[in-house]
Amino acid sequence: LIGTSTNILVDSVAQENGMAPFHIFEIAPLGAALAAAGIV
């Protein structure tokens, strides 16, 4: 969640629209898969 300002901002806007906040590593599984695939 702290990897880029975009993640922080999206989480903040989502909370203002009534959603529960994201956990810091909630997006890590998808992010790791994307990063691995991208580097390969």
All heavy atoms as atom14 arrays in JSON, in Angstrom:
{
  "sequence": "LIGTSTNILVDSVAQENGMAPFHIFEIAPLGAALAAAGIV",
  "atom14_mask": [
    [1, 1, 1, 1, 1, 1, 1, 1, 0, 0, 0, 0, 0, 0],
    [1, 1, 1, 1, 1, 1, 1, 1, 0, 0, 0, 0, 0, 0],
    [1, 1, 1, 1, 0, 0, 0, 0, 0, 0, 0, 0, 0, 0],
    [1, 1, 1, 1, 1, 1, 1, 0, 0, 0, 0, 0, 0, 0],
    [1, 1, 1, 1, 1, 1, 0, 0, 0, 0, 0, 0, 0, 0],
    [1, 1, 1, 1, 1, 1, 1, 0, 0, 0, 0, 0, 0, 0],
    [1, 1, 1, 1, 1, 1, 1, 1, 0, 0, 0, 0, 0, 0],
    [1, 1, 1, 1, 1, 1, 1, 1, 0, 0, 0, 0, 0, 0],
    [1, 1, 1, 1, 1, 1, 1, 1, 0, 0, 0, 0, 0, 0],
    [1, 1, 1, 1, 1, 1, 1, 0, 0, 0, 0, 0, 0, 0],
    [1, 1, 1, 1, 1, 1, 1, 1, 0, 0, 0, 0, 0, 0],
    [1, 1, 1, 1, 1, 1, 0, 0, 0, 0, 0, 0, 0, 0],
    [1, 1, 1, 1, 1, 1, 1, 0, 0, 0, 0, 0, 0, 0],
    [1, 1, 1, 1, 1, 0, 0, 0, 0, 0, 0, 0, 0, 0],
    [1, 1, 1, 1, 1, 1, 1, 1, 1, 0, 0, 0, 0, 0],
    [1, 1, 1, 1, 1, 1, 1, 1, 1, 0, 0, 0, 0, 0],
    [1, 1, 1, 1, 1, 1, 1, 1, 0, 0, 0, 0, 0, 0],
    [1, 1, 1, 1, 0, 0, 0, 0, 0, 0, 0, 0, 0, 0],
    [1, 1, 1, 1, 1, 1, 1, 1, 0, 0, 0, 0, 0, 0],
    [1, 1, 1, 1, 1, 0, 0, 0, 0, 0, 0, 0, 0, 0],
    [1, 1, 1, 1, 1, 1, 1, 0, 0, 0, 0, 0, 0, 0],
    [1, 1, 1, 1, 1, 1, 1, 1, 1, 1, 1, 0, 0, 0],
    [1, 1, 1, 1, 1, 1, 1, 1, 1, 1, 0, 0, 0, 0],
    [1, 1, 1, 1, 1, 1, 1, 1, 0, 0, 0, 0, 0, 0],
    [1, 1, 1, 1, 1, 1, 1, 1, 1, 1, 1, 0, 0, 0],
    [1, 1, 1, 1, 1, 1, 1, 1, 1, 0, 0, 0, 0, 0],
    [1, 1, 1, 1, 1, 1, 1, 1, 0, 0, 0, 0, 0, 0],
    [1, 1, 1, 1, 1, 0, 0, 0, 0, 0, 0, 0, 0, 0],
    [1, 1, 1, 1, 1, 1, 1, 0, 0, 0, 0, 0, 0, 0],
    [1, 1, 1, 1, 1, 1, 1, 1, 0, 0, 0, 0, 0, 0],
    [1, 1, 1, 1, 0, 0, 0, 0, 0, 0, 0, 0, 0, 0],
    [1, 1, 1, 1, 1, 0, 0, 0, 0, 0, 0, 0, 0, 0],
    [1, 1, 1, 1, 1, 0, 0, 0, 0, 0, 0, 0, 0, 0],
    [1, 1, 1, 1, 1, 1, 1, 1, 0, 0, 0, 0, 0, 0],
    [1, 1, 1, 1, 1, 0, 0, 0, 0, 0, 0, 0, 0, 0],
    [1, 1, 1, 1, 1, 0, 0, 0, 0, 0, 0, 0, 0, 0],
    [1, 1, 1, 1, 1, 0, 0, 0, 0, 0, 0, 0, 0, 0],
    [1, 1, 1, 1, 0, 0, 0, 0, 0, 0, 0, 0, 0, 0],
    [1, 1, 1, 1, 1, 1, 1, 1, 0, 0, 0, 0, 0, 0],
    [1, 1, 1, 1, 1, 1, 1, 0, 0, 0, 0, 0, 0, 0]
  ],
  "atom14_positions": [
    [[0.82, -1.21, 0.0], [0.0, 0.0, 0.0], [0.85, 1.26, 0.0], [0.43, 2.3, -0.5], [-0.93, -0.01, 1.22], [-2.08, 1.0, 1.18], [-2.99, 0.72, 0.0], [-2.87, 0.94, 2.48], [0.0, 0.0, 0.0], [0.0, 0.0, 0.0], [0.0, 0.0, 0.0], [0.0, 0.0, 0.0], [0.0, 0.0, 0.0], [0.0, 0.0, 0.0]],
    [[2.08, 1.18, 0.55], [2.93, 2.37, 0.63], [3.95, 2.4, -0.51], [4.83, 3.26, -0.53], [3.67, 2.43, 1.98], [4.57, 1.2, 2.16], [2.69, 2.56, 3.12], [5.45, 1.27, 3.4], [0.0, 0.0, 0.0], [0.0, 0.0, 0.0], [0.0, 0.0, 0.0], [0.0, 0.0, 0.0], [0.0, 0.0, 0.0], [0.0, 0.0, 0.0]],
    [[3.82, 1.49, -1.47], [4.8, 1.42, -2.54], [4.74, 2.59, -3.5], [5.73, 2.9, -4.15], [0.0, 0.0, 0.0], [0.0, 0.0, 0.0], [0.0, 0.0, 0.0], [0.0, 0.0, 0.0], [0.0, 0.0, 0.0], [0.0, 0.0, 0.0], [0.0, 0.0, 0.0], [0.0, 0.0, 0.0], [0.0, 0.0, 0.0], [0.0, 0.0, 0.0]],
    [[3.6, 3.22, -3.63], [3.45, 4.36, -4.53], [2.35, 5.27, -4.01], [1.42, 4.82, -3.32], [3.11, 3.88, -5.96], [2.84, 5.0, -6.79], [1.91, 2.96, -5.97], [0.0, 0.0, 0.0], [0.0, 0.0, 0.0], [0.0, 0.0, 0.0], [0.0, 0.0, 0.0], [0.0, 0.0, 0.0], [0.0, 0.0, 0.0], [0.0, 0.0, 0.0]],
    [[2.44, 6.54, -4.36], [1.44, 7.5, -3.9], [0.06, 7.17, -4.46], [-0.96, 7.47, -3.82], [1.84, 8.92, -4.32], [1.95, 9.02, -5.73], [0.0, 0.0, 0.0], [0.0, 0.0, 0.0], [0.0, 0.0, 0.0], [0.0, 0.0, 0.0], [0.0, 0.0, 0.0], [0.0, 0.0, 0.0], [0.0, 0.0, 0.0], [0.0, 0.0, 0.0]],
    [[0.02, 6.53, -5.61], [-1.28, 6.17, -6.21], [-2.04, 5.19, -5.33], [-3.25, 5.35, -5.11], [-1.07, 5.54, -7.6], [-0.28, 6.42, -8.4], [-2.39, 5.27, -8.29], [0.0, 0.0, 0.0], [0.0, 0.0, 0.0], [0.0, 0.0, 0.0], [0.0, 0.0, 0.0], [0.0, 0.0, 0.0], [0.0, 0.0, 0.0], [0.0, 0.0, 0.0]],
    [[-1.35, 4.19, -4.8], [-2.01, 3.22, -3.91], [-2.59, 3.92, -2.68], [-3.73, 3.65, -2.27], [-1.01, 2.16, -3.46], [-0.51, 1.3, -4.61], [-1.01, 1.39, -5.71], [0.47, 0.46, -4.33], [0.0, 0.0, 0.0], [0.0, 0.0, 0.0], [0.0, 0.0, 0.0], [0.0, 0.0, 0.0], [0.0, 0.0, 0.0], [0.0, 0.0, 0.0]],
    [[-1.79, 4.78, -2.08], [-2.24, 5.5, -0.88], [-3.46, 6.36, -1.2], [-4.43, 6.42, -0.43], [-1.09, 6.37, -0.33], [0.08, 5.49, 0.11], [-1.57, 7.23, 0.83], [1.34, 6.28, 0.47], [0.0, 0.0, 0.0], [0.0, 0.0, 0.0], [0.0, 0.0, 0.0], [0.0, 0.0, 0.0], [0.0, 0.0, 0.0], [0.0, 0.0, 0.0]],
    [[-3.42, 7.02, -2.36], [-4.51, 7.92, -2.73], [-5.79, 7.15, -3.04], [-6.88, 7.55, -2.61], [-4.08, 8.76, -3.94], [-5.01, 9.89, -4.36], [-5.27, 10.84, -3.19], [-4.41, 10.65, -5.54], [0.0, 0.0, 0.0], [0.0, 0.0, 0.0], [0.0, 0.0, 0.0], [0.0, 0.0, 0.0], [0.0, 0.0, 0.0], [0.0, 0.0, 0.0]],
    [[-5.68, 6.05, -3.78], [-6.86, 5.24, -4.08], [-7.5, 4.72, -2.79], [-8.73, 4.76, -2.63], [-6.5, 4.07, -5.02], [-7.67, 3.08, -5.12], [-6.13, 4.57, -6.4], [0.0, 0.0, 0.0], [0.0, 0.0, 0.0], [0.0, 0.0, 0.0], [0.0, 0.0, 0.0], [0.0, 0.0, 0.0], [0.0, 0.0, 0.0], [0.0, 0.0, 0.0]],
    [[-6.68, 4.25, -1.87], [-7.19, 3.76, -0.58], [-7.91, 4.86, 0.17], [-8.99, 4.65, 0.74], [-6.03, 3.21, 0.25], [-6.46, 2.76, 1.63], [-7.41, 1.97, 1.73], [-5.84, 3.22, 2.63], [0.0, 0.0, 0.0], [0.0, 0.0, 0.0], [0.0, 0.0, 0.0], [0.0, 0.0, 0.0], [0.0, 0.0, 0.0], [0.0, 0.0, 0.0]],
    [[-7.34, 6.07, 0.15], [-7.95, 7.19, 0.86], [-9.29, 7.57, 0.24], [-10.28, 7.78, 0.96], [-7.0, 8.4, 0.82], [-7.59, 9.53, 1.41], [0.0, 0.0, 0.0], [0.0, 0.0, 0.0], [0.0, 0.0, 0.0], [0.0, 0.0, 0.0], [0.0, 0.0, 0.0], [0.0, 0.0, 0.0], [0.0, 0.0, 0.0], [0.0, 0.0, 0.0]],
    [[-9.37, 7.64, -1.09], [-10.62, 7.97, -1.76], [-11.66, 6.88, -1.52], [-12.85, 7.16, -1.3], [-10.38, 8.17, -3.27], [-11.71, 8.35, -4.01], [-9.47, 9.36, -3.52], [0.0, 0.0, 0.0], [0.0, 0.0, 0.0], [0.0, 0.0, 0.0], [0.0, 0.0, 0.0], [0.0, 0.0, 0.0], [0.0, 0.0, 0.0], [0.0, 0.0, 0.0]],
    [[-11.23, 5.63, -1.51], [-12.15, 4.52, -1.25], [-12.73, 4.61, 0.15], [-13.95, 4.38, 0.36], [-11.42, 3.19, -1.44], [0.0, 0.0, 0.0], [0.0, 0.0, 0.0], [0.0, 0.0, 0.0], [0.0, 0.0, 0.0], [0.0, 0.0, 0.0], [0.0, 0.0, 0.0], [0.0, 0.0, 0.0], [0.0, 0.0, 0.0], [0.0, 0.0, 0.0]],
    [[-11.89, 4.96, 1.12], [-12.39, 5.1, 2.5], [-13.42, 6.23, 2.59], [-14.42, 6.11, 3.31], [-11.23, 5.37, 3.45], [-10.31, 4.17, 3.68], [-9.24, 4.47, 4.71], [-9.52, 4.91, 5.81], [-7.98, 4.21, 4.34], [0.0, 0.0, 0.0], [0.0, 0.0, 0.0], [0.0, 0.0, 0.0], [0.0, 0.0, 0.0], [0.0, 0.0, 0.0]],
    [[-13.17, 7.33, 1.86], [-14.12, 8.44, 1.89], [-15.46, 8.05, 1.26], [-16.47, 8.69, 1.51], [-13.53, 9.65, 1.16], [-12.37, 10.3, 1.91], [-11.92, 11.59, 1.24], [-12.33, 11.84, 0.08], [-11.16, 12.34, 1.88], [0.0, 0.0, 0.0], [0.0, 0.0, 0.0], [0.0, 0.0, 0.0], [0.0, 0.0, 0.0], [0.0, 0.0, 0.0]],
    [[-15.42, 7.0, 0.43], [-16.65, 6.51, -0.18], [-17.24, 5.33, 0.57], [-18.06, 4.58, 0.03], [-16.4, 6.14, -1.64], [-16.34, 7.33, -2.56], [-17.34, 7.73, -3.15], [-15.16, 7.93, -2.68], [0.0, 0.0, 0.0], [0.0, 0.0, 0.0], [0.0, 0.0, 0.0], [0.0, 0.0, 0.0], [0.0, 0.0, 0.0], [0.0, 0.0, 0.0]],
    [[-16.83, 5.17, 1.83], [-17.46, 4.2, 2.71], [-16.85, 2.82, 2.73], [-17.39, 1.91, 3.37], [0.0, 0.0, 0.0], [0.0, 0.0, 0.0], [0.0, 0.0, 0.0], [0.0, 0.0, 0.0], [0.0, 0.0, 0.0], [0.0, 0.0, 0.0], [0.0, 0.0, 0.0], [0.0, 0.0, 0.0], [0.0, 0.0, 0.0], [0.0, 0.0, 0.0]],
    [[-15.71, 2.61, 2.06], [-15.09, 1.29, 2.07], [-14.14, 1.12, 3.24], [-13.59, 2.1, 3.76], [-14.32, 1.06, 0.75], [-15.22, 0.78, -0.45], [-14.25, 0.44, -1.94], [-13.19, -0.89, -1.38], [0.0, 0.0, 0.0], [0.0, 0.0, 0.0], [0.0, 0.0, 0.0], [0.0, 0.0, 0.0], [0.0, 0.0, 0.0], [0.0, 0.0, 0.0]],
    [[-13.92, -0.12, 3.64], [-12.94, -0.41, 4.68], [-11.54, -0.19, 4.14], [-11.28, -0.42, 2.95], [-13.1, -1.86, 5.15], [0.0, 0.0, 0.0], [0.0, 0.0, 0.0], [0.0, 0.0, 0.0], [0.0, 0.0, 0.0], [0.0, 0.0, 0.0], [0.0, 0.0, 0.0], [0.0, 0.0, 0.0], [0.0, 0.0, 0.0], [0.0, 0.0, 0.0]],
    [[-10.6, 0.29, 4.97], [-9.24, 0.55, 4.48], [-8.54, -0.73, 4.04], [-8.84, -1.82, 4.53], [-8.55, 1.18, 5.69], [-9.34, 0.74, 6.88], [-10.75, 0.62, 6.4], [0.0, 0.0, 0.0], [0.0, 0.0, 0.0], [0.0, 0.0, 0.0], [0.0, 0.0, 0.0], [0.0, 0.0, 0.0], [0.0, 0.0, 0.0], [0.0, 0.0, 0.0]],
    [[-7.61, -0.57, 3.13], [-6.8, -1.7, 2.67], [-5.69, -1.98, 3.68], [-5.1, -1.05, 4.24], [-6.16, -1.4, 1.31], [-7.09, -1.62, 0.14], [-8.02, -0.64, -0.22], [-7.06, -2.79, -0.59], [-8.87, -0.83, -1.28], [-7.91, -3.0, -1.66], [-8.83, -2.01, -2.01], [0.0, 0.0, 0.0], [0.0, 0.0, 0.0], [0.0, 0.0, 0.0]],
    [[-5.41, -3.27, 3.89], [-4.26, -3.68, 4.7], [-2.99, -3.41, 3.89], [-3.0, -3.46, 2.66], [-4.39, -5.16, 5.04], [-3.34, -5.68, 5.96], [-2.12, -6.16, 5.51], [-3.31, -5.8, 7.31], [-1.39, -6.54, 6.54], [-2.1, -6.33, 7.65], [0.0, 0.0, 0.0], [0.0, 0.0, 0.0], [0.0, 0.0, 0.0], [0.0, 0.0, 0.0]],
    [[-1.88, -3.13, 4.56], [-0.65, -2.75, 3.86], [-0.2, -3.81, 2.86], [0.35, -3.5, 1.8], [0.48, -2.44, 4.88], [1.7, -1.88, 4.13], [0.83, -3.65, 5.71], [2.8, -1.37, 5.05], [0.0, 0.0, 0.0], [0.0, 0.0, 0.0], [0.0, 0.0, 0.0], [0.0, 0.0, 0.0], [0.0, 0.0, 0.0], [0.0, 0.0, 0.0]],
    [[-0.45, -5.09, 3.15], [-0.02, -6.15, 2.24], [-1.19, -6.85, 1.56], [-1.03, -7.93, 0.99], [0.83, -7.19, 2.99], [2.18, -6.67, 3.4], [2.58, -6.72, 4.74], [3.05, -6.14, 2.47], [3.82, -6.25, 5.12], [4.3, -5.66, 2.85], [4.69, -5.71, 4.17], [0.0, 0.0, 0.0], [0.0, 0.0, 0.0], [0.0, 0.0, 0.0]],
    [[-2.37, -6.23, 1.6], [-3.52, -6.87, 0.99], [-3.34, -7.07, -0.52], [-3.8, -8.06, -1.09], [-4.79, -6.04, 1.26], [-6.06, -6.68, 0.74], [-7.31, -5.9, 1.14], [-7.22, -5.09, 2.08], [-8.36, -6.11, 0.5], [0.0, 0.0, 0.0], [0.0, 0.0, 0.0], [0.0, 0.0, 0.0], [0.0, 0.0, 0.0], [0.0, 0.0, 0.0]],
    [[-2.67, -6.12, -1.15], [-2.49, -6.22, -2.6], [-1.19, -6.93, -2.97], [-0.89, -7.09, -4.16], [-2.5, -4.82, -3.26], [-1.36, -3.96, -2.68], [-3.85, -4.15, -3.06], [-1.23, -2.61, -3.36], [0.0, 0.0, 0.0], [0.0, 0.0, 0.0], [0.0, 0.0, 0.0], [0.0, 0.0, 0.0], [0.0, 0.0, 0.0], [0.0, 0.0, 0.0]],
    [[-0.42, -7.4, -1.97], [0.9, -7.99, -2.24], [0.84, -9.24, -3.14], [1.68, -9.38, -4.03], [1.61, -8.3, -0.93], [0.0, 0.0, 0.0], [0.0, 0.0, 0.0], [0.0, 0.0, 0.0], [0.0, 0.0, 0.0], [0.0, 0.0, 0.0], [0.0, 0.0, 0.0], [0.0, 0.0, 0.0], [0.0, 0.0, 0.0], [0.0, 0.0, 0.0]],
    [[-0.08, -10.17, -2.94], [-0.07, -11.36, -3.81], [-0.21, -11.02, -5.3], [0.53, -11.54, -6.14], [-1.27, -12.18, -3.3], [-1.43, -11.76, -1.88], [-1.09, -10.3, -1.86], [0.0, 0.0, 0.0], [0.0, 0.0, 0.0], [0.0, 0.0, 0.0], [0.0, 0.0, 0.0], [0.0, 0.0, 0.0], [0.0, 0.0, 0.0], [0.0, 0.0, 0.0]],
    [[-1.16, -10.14, -5.61], [-1.33, -9.74, -7.0], [-0.13, -8.93, -7.47], [0.36, -9.11, -8.6], [-2.62, -8.93, -7.15], [-2.9, -8.37, -8.55], [-2.95, -9.48, -9.58], [-4.2, -7.57, -8.56], [0.0, 0.0, 0.0], [0.0, 0.0, 0.0], [0.0, 0.0, 0.0], [0.0, 0.0, 0.0], [0.0, 0.0, 0.0], [0.0, 0.0, 0.0]],
    [[0.35, -8.03, -6.62], [1.5, -7.21, -6.99], [2.74, -8.04, -7.26], [3.47, -7.8, -8.23], [0.0, 0.0, 0.0], [0.0, 0.0, 0.0], [0.0, 0.0, 0.0], [0.0, 0.0, 0.0], [0.0, 0.0, 0.0], [0.0, 0.0, 0.0], [0.0, 0.0, 0.0], [0.0, 0.0, 0.0], [0.0, 0.0, 0.0], [0.0, 0.0, 0.0]],
    [[2.99, -9.04, -6.41], [4.15, -9.92, -6.61], [4.04, -10.7, -7.91], [5.02, -10.87, -8.64], [4.29, -10.86, -5.42], [0.0, 0.0, 0.0], [0.0, 0.0, 0.0], [0.0, 0.0, 0.0], [0.0, 0.0, 0.0], [0.0, 0.0, 0.0], [0.0, 0.0, 0.0], [0.0, 0.0, 0.0], [0.0, 0.0, 0.0], [0.0, 0.0, 0.0]],
    [[2.83, -11.17, -8.21], [2.63, -11.92, -9.46], [2.87, -11.02, -10.67], [3.52, -11.43, -11.65], [1.21, -12.49, -9.5], [0.0, 0.0, 0.0], [0.0, 0.0, 0.0], [0.0, 0.0, 0.0], [0.0, 0.0, 0.0], [0.0, 0.0, 0.0], [0.0, 0.0, 0.0], [0.0, 0.0, 0.0], [0.0, 0.0, 0.0], [0.0, 0.0, 0.0]],
    [[2.36, -9.79, -10.62], [2.57, -8.85, -11.72], [4.04, -8.5, -11.88], [4.56, -8.43, -13.0], [1.75, -7.58, -11.49], [0.27, -7.61, -11.86], [-0.39, -6.31, -11.49], [0.11, -7.86, -13.35], [0.0, 0.0, 0.0], [0.0, 0.0, 0.0], [0.0, 0.0, 0.0], [0.0, 0.0, 0.0], [0.0, 0.0, 0.0], [0.0, 0.0, 0.0]],
    [[4.71, -8.26, -10.74], [6.13, -7.89, -10.79], [6.97, -9.02, -11.37], [7.84, -8.8, -12.22], [6.63, -7.51, -9.4], [0.0, 0.0, 0.0], [0.0, 0.0, 0.0], [0.0, 0.0, 0.0], [0.0, 0.0, 0.0], [0.0, 0.0, 0.0], [0.0, 0.0, 0.0], [0.0, 0.0, 0.0], [0.0, 0.0, 0.0], [0.0, 0.0, 0.0]],
    [[6.71, -10.25, -10.91], [7.46, -11.4, -11.42], [7.23, -11.59, -12.91], [8.18, -11.78, -13.69], [7.06, -12.66, -10.65], [0.0, 0.0, 0.0], [0.0, 0.0, 0.0], [0.0, 0.0, 0.0], [0.0, 0.0, 0.0], [0.0, 0.0, 0.0], [0.0, 0.0, 0.0], [0.0, 0.0, 0.0], [0.0, 0.0, 0.0], [0.0, 0.0, 0.0]],
    [[5.97, -11.52, -13.32], [5.66, -11.69, -14.74], [6.26, -10.57, -15.58], [6.77, -10.81, -16.69], [4.14, -11.74, -14.94], [0.0, 0.0, 0.0], [0.0, 0.0, 0.0], [0.0, 0.0, 0.0], [0.0, 0.0, 0.0], [0.0, 0.0, 0.0], [0.0, 0.0, 0.0], [0.0, 0.0, 0.0], [0.0, 0.0, 0.0], [0.0, 0.0, 0.0]],
    [[6.22, -9.35, -15.05], [6.77, -8.22, -15.79], [8.27, -8.32, -15.98], [8.8, -8.05, -17.07], [0.0, 0.0, 0.0], [0.0, 0.0, 0.0], [0.0, 0.0, 0.0], [0.0, 0.0, 0.0], [0.0, 0.0, 0.0], [0.0, 0.0, 0.0], [0.0, 0.0, 0.0], [0.0, 0.0, 0.0], [0.0, 0.0, 0.0], [0.0, 0.0, 0.0]],
    [[8.99, -8.7, -14.92], [10.44, -8.82, -15.01], [10.83, -9.95, -15.96], [11.75, -9.81, -16.78], [11.05, -9.02, -13.61], [10.9, -7.73, -12.79], [12.52, -9.42, -13.69], [11.3, -7.85, -11.34], [0.0, 0.0, 0.0], [0.0, 0.0, 0.0], [0.0, 0.0, 0.0], [0.0, 0.0, 0.0], [0.0, 0.0, 0.0], [0.0, 0.0, 0.0]],
    [[10.13, -11.08, -15.87], [10.41, -12.2, -16.8], [10.15, -11.76, -18.23], [10.94, -12.07, -19.15], [9.55, -13.42, -16.43], [9.64, -14.48, -17.53], [10.0, -14.01, -15.1], [0.0, 0.0, 0.0], [0.0, 0.0, 0.0], [0.0, 0.0, 0.0], [0.0, 0.0, 0.0], [0.0, 0.0, 0.0], [0.0, 0.0, 0.0], [0.0, 0.0, 0.0]]
  ]
}
